[in-house]
Protein backbone atom coordinates (compact mmCIF):
# COMPACT_ATOMS: atom_id res chain seq x y z
CA MET A 1 1.48 -8.75 -40.58
CA ILE A 2 0.50 -12.28 -40.72
CA ARG A 3 3.22 -15.13 -39.99
CA VAL A 4 2.99 -18.64 -40.56
CA GLU A 5 5.83 -20.88 -39.20
CA ARG A 6 6.31 -24.57 -39.44
CA PRO A 7 9.05 -26.36 -38.87
CA HIS A 8 11.05 -25.97 -42.00
CA GLN A 9 8.74 -23.11 -43.56
CA THR A 10 8.19 -19.56 -42.47
CA LEU A 11 6.46 -17.13 -44.18
CA ILE A 12 5.79 -13.35 -43.37
CA VAL A 13 3.21 -11.22 -45.20
CA ARG A 14 3.40 -7.20 -44.39
CA SER A 15 1.74 -3.97 -46.19
CA THR A 16 5.05 -2.39 -46.08
CA PRO A 17 8.72 -3.32 -44.97
CA PRO A 18 9.84 -2.10 -41.47
CA THR A 19 12.85 -0.21 -43.35
CA SER A 20 13.04 -0.17 -46.90
CA CYS A 21 14.81 -2.66 -49.16
CA LEU A 22 13.78 -0.72 -52.28
CA LEU A 23 15.51 -1.62 -55.50
CA SER A 24 17.04 1.05 -57.97
CA LYS A 25 15.09 2.13 -60.73
CA ARG A 26 17.93 2.07 -63.36
CA ASP A 27 17.12 -1.26 -64.47
CA VAL A 28 13.73 -2.57 -65.43
CA ILE A 29 12.60 -5.73 -66.93
CA SER A 30 8.59 -5.89 -68.01
CA THR A 31 5.94 -7.72 -69.65
CA SER A 32 2.10 -6.96 -70.69
CA ILE A 33 -0.61 -9.63 -70.61
CA LYS A 34 -3.29 -8.64 -72.41
CA GLY A 35 -7.36 -9.83 -72.25
CA THR A 36 -7.22 -9.14 -68.42
CA SER A 37 -10.87 -7.43 -67.13
CA ALA A 38 -10.77 -4.21 -65.76
CA GLY A 39 -11.78 -4.19 -61.87
CA SER A 40 -12.06 -2.12 -59.03
CA LEU A 41 -8.79 -3.41 -56.93
CA ALA A 42 -7.43 -0.62 -54.90
CA ARG A 43 -3.78 0.28 -55.06
CA ARG A 44 -1.94 -2.46 -52.93
CA HIS A 45 1.67 -2.69 -51.58
CA ILE A 46 2.65 -6.19 -50.20
CA VAL A 47 6.14 -7.60 -49.39
CA ILE A 48 6.46 -10.90 -48.36
CA GLU A 49 9.31 -12.78 -46.51
CA ALA A 50 9.86 -16.45 -46.99
CA ALA A 51 12.21 -19.21 -45.84
CA VAL A 52 12.34 -22.42 -46.82
CA VAL A 53 14.13 -25.66 -45.58
CA ALA A 54 14.93 -27.99 -48.75
CA GLY A 55 17.16 -30.76 -47.98
CA PRO A 56 20.46 -29.18 -46.80
CA ARG A 57 19.53 -25.79 -48.05
CA HIS A 58 18.13 -22.98 -46.38
CA LYS A 59 16.27 -20.73 -49.12
CA ASN A 60 15.20 -17.44 -48.42
CA GLY A 61 13.90 -14.29 -50.09
CA ILE A 62 12.15 -10.92 -49.25
CA LEU A 63 9.92 -9.68 -52.77
CA GLY A 64 7.40 -6.70 -52.30
CA ALA A 65 5.80 -5.47 -54.92
CA VAL A 66 2.93 -2.54 -55.68
CA TYR A 67 -0.18 -2.39 -57.67
CA THR A 68 -1.67 0.36 -59.11
CA PRO A 69 -5.32 -0.20 -60.58
CA ALA A 70 -5.87 1.46 -64.01
CA SER A 71 -8.49 1.42 -67.43
CA GLY A 72 -7.70 -0.72 -70.11
CA SER A 73 -7.61 -4.68 -71.17
CA SER A 74 -3.75 -5.53 -69.98
CA THR A 75 -1.28 -5.34 -67.01
CA GLU A 76 1.83 -4.14 -67.20
CA ILE A 77 4.47 -6.15 -64.86
CA SER A 78 8.11 -4.66 -64.33
CA VAL A 79 10.63 -6.21 -62.15
CA ARG A 80 13.30 -3.70 -60.97
CA VAL A 81 17.14 -5.23 -61.66
CA GLN A 82 20.00 -4.84 -58.97
CA GLU A 83 22.93 -6.68 -59.72
CA GLU A 84 24.98 -5.30 -56.85
CA ARG A 85 23.94 -6.52 -53.33
CA SER A 86 23.69 -3.05 -51.29
CA GLU A 87 22.64 -2.60 -47.89
CA VAL A 88 22.40 -5.39 -45.18
CA LEU A 89 19.00 -5.57 -43.65
CA ASP A 90 18.27 -5.81 -39.99
CA TRP A 91 15.15 -6.95 -39.50
CA PRO A 92 14.31 -10.11 -41.59
CA ARG A 93 13.26 -13.40 -39.82
CA VAL A 94 13.55 -15.28 -42.81
CA ALA A 95 17.58 -15.58 -42.42
CA ASP A 96 18.72 -14.90 -38.92
CA THR A 97 21.85 -16.95 -39.32
CA GLU A 98 23.15 -14.94 -42.44
CA GLN A 99 23.06 -11.34 -43.43
CA VAL A 100 20.74 -10.12 -45.82
CA ARG A 101 21.22 -7.73 -48.60
CA VAL A 102 19.14 -5.84 -50.97
CA GLY A 103 19.42 -6.72 -54.30
CA LEU A 104 17.84 -8.81 -57.22
CA PRO A 105 19.99 -10.43 -60.00
CA ARG A 106 18.41 -10.07 -63.85
CA HIS A 107 18.32 -14.04 -64.10
CA TRP A 108 16.13 -14.23 -60.73
CA ALA A 109 14.03 -11.11 -62.56
CA GLU A 110 13.57 -12.94 -65.30
CA GLY A 111 12.67 -15.72 -63.42
CA ILE A 112 9.97 -14.14 -61.68
CA LEU A 113 8.48 -12.79 -64.88
CA SER A 114 8.57 -16.31 -66.89
CA GLU A 115 6.48 -17.96 -63.63
CA ILE A 116 4.16 -15.06 -63.67
CA ARG A 117 3.29 -15.34 -67.38
CA SER A 118 3.10 -18.81 -66.73
CA GLU A 119 0.69 -18.49 -63.55
CA ALA A 120 -1.51 -15.44 -64.79
CA ASP A 121 -4.93 -16.10 -65.66
CA PRO A 122 -6.49 -12.97 -67.67
CA ARG A 123 -9.95 -13.55 -66.48
CA LYS A 124 -8.41 -13.68 -62.74
CA LEU A 125 -5.73 -10.63 -63.38
CA TYR A 126 -7.20 -6.86 -63.04
CA SER A 127 -5.98 -4.58 -65.42
CA GLY A 128 -3.12 -2.27 -64.29
CA LYS A 129 0.33 -1.86 -63.32
CA LEU A 130 1.84 -4.55 -60.89
CA GLU A 131 5.49 -3.29 -59.91
CA PHE A 132 7.97 -5.67 -58.03
CA VAL A 133 10.27 -2.80 -56.71
CA GLU A 134 11.69 -4.24 -53.34
CA ALA A 135 13.88 -7.49 -53.23
CA ALA A 136 16.37 -8.80 -50.59
CA SER A 137 18.10 -12.45 -49.64
CA GLY A 138 20.80 -14.03 -47.62
CA ASP A 139 24.24 -14.28 -49.20
CA VAL A 140 23.95 -17.79 -49.03
CA GLY A 141 20.09 -18.37 -49.17
CA GLY A 142 19.15 -16.41 -52.19
CA ASP A 143 17.48 -18.59 -54.54
CA LEU A 144 15.83 -18.50 -58.16
CA GLY A 145 13.13 -20.72 -56.80
CA ILE A 146 12.19 -18.96 -54.12
CA PHE A 147 11.89 -15.83 -55.95
CA GLN A 148 9.46 -17.71 -58.31
CA MET A 149 7.38 -19.19 -55.76
CA LEU A 150 7.14 -15.46 -54.12
CA GLY A 151 6.46 -13.79 -57.39
CA LYS A 152 3.31 -16.38 -57.76
CA LEU A 153 2.24 -15.44 -54.18
CA VAL A 154 2.05 -11.91 -54.55
CA LEU A 155 -0.10 -12.87 -57.95
CA ARG A 156 -2.47 -14.99 -56.25
CA THR A 157 -2.58 -12.52 -53.40
CA LEU A 158 -3.78 -9.67 -55.55
CA ARG A 159 -6.91 -11.81 -56.67
CA PHE A 160 -8.57 -11.44 -53.32
CA PRO A 161 -9.88 -8.82 -51.45
CA VAL A 162 -7.41 -7.79 -48.21
CA SER A 163 -10.26 -9.33 -45.84
CA ALA A 164 -9.90 -12.65 -47.18
CA LEU A 165 -6.06 -13.12 -46.84
CA THR A 166 -6.11 -14.77 -43.59
CA GLN A 167 -3.14 -17.00 -42.04
CA GLU A 168 -5.05 -20.09 -43.12
CA TRP A 169 -5.71 -18.64 -46.71
CA TYR A 170 -1.21 -18.37 -46.74
CA GLU A 171 -0.97 -21.84 -45.06
CA ARG A 172 -3.16 -23.40 -48.29
CA GLU A 173 -1.27 -20.96 -50.78
CA LEU A 174 1.95 -22.10 -49.23
CA ASP A 175 1.37 -25.64 -49.57
CA ALA A 176 0.03 -25.77 -52.81
CA LEU A 177 3.27 -24.27 -53.86
CA LEU A 178 5.56 -26.39 -52.19
CA ASP A 179 3.88 -29.25 -53.76
């Protein structure tokens, strides 16, 4: 686990969540990015919690994804949609002043895909399948912008070997994403 804590910003990165915040498989939106390179990246699971204070708003979210490598020249990216907000999670650190519930509205899922399409550089993206399977946010602090930021951070994380993903790396990426 990697933790970046600053005034008004918290980022926690895990390889798996302490308890499940898996979204239902009933509704999935997806896209394919062509022209990617075949790579030898191993299967990875990443869950990122983030909280950012922006003026009077406290934005928070949790987004988890699984990357599975595959031969070929494209990356299939999917995001599970779960409109109904289900169970309350007791472990997130990013929203200790409100209840955090599992769920991801369709317009947030579409926003994640849109940001990934604009962020994805085919020369730096391994072929395979990237599935966003976990999501949760506070009843008040959930926000499209925080989920778009988390989606971009997951994508950037997959470009590097796990050994390169230090606290300092995440600090630099958080700074770049918030500028």
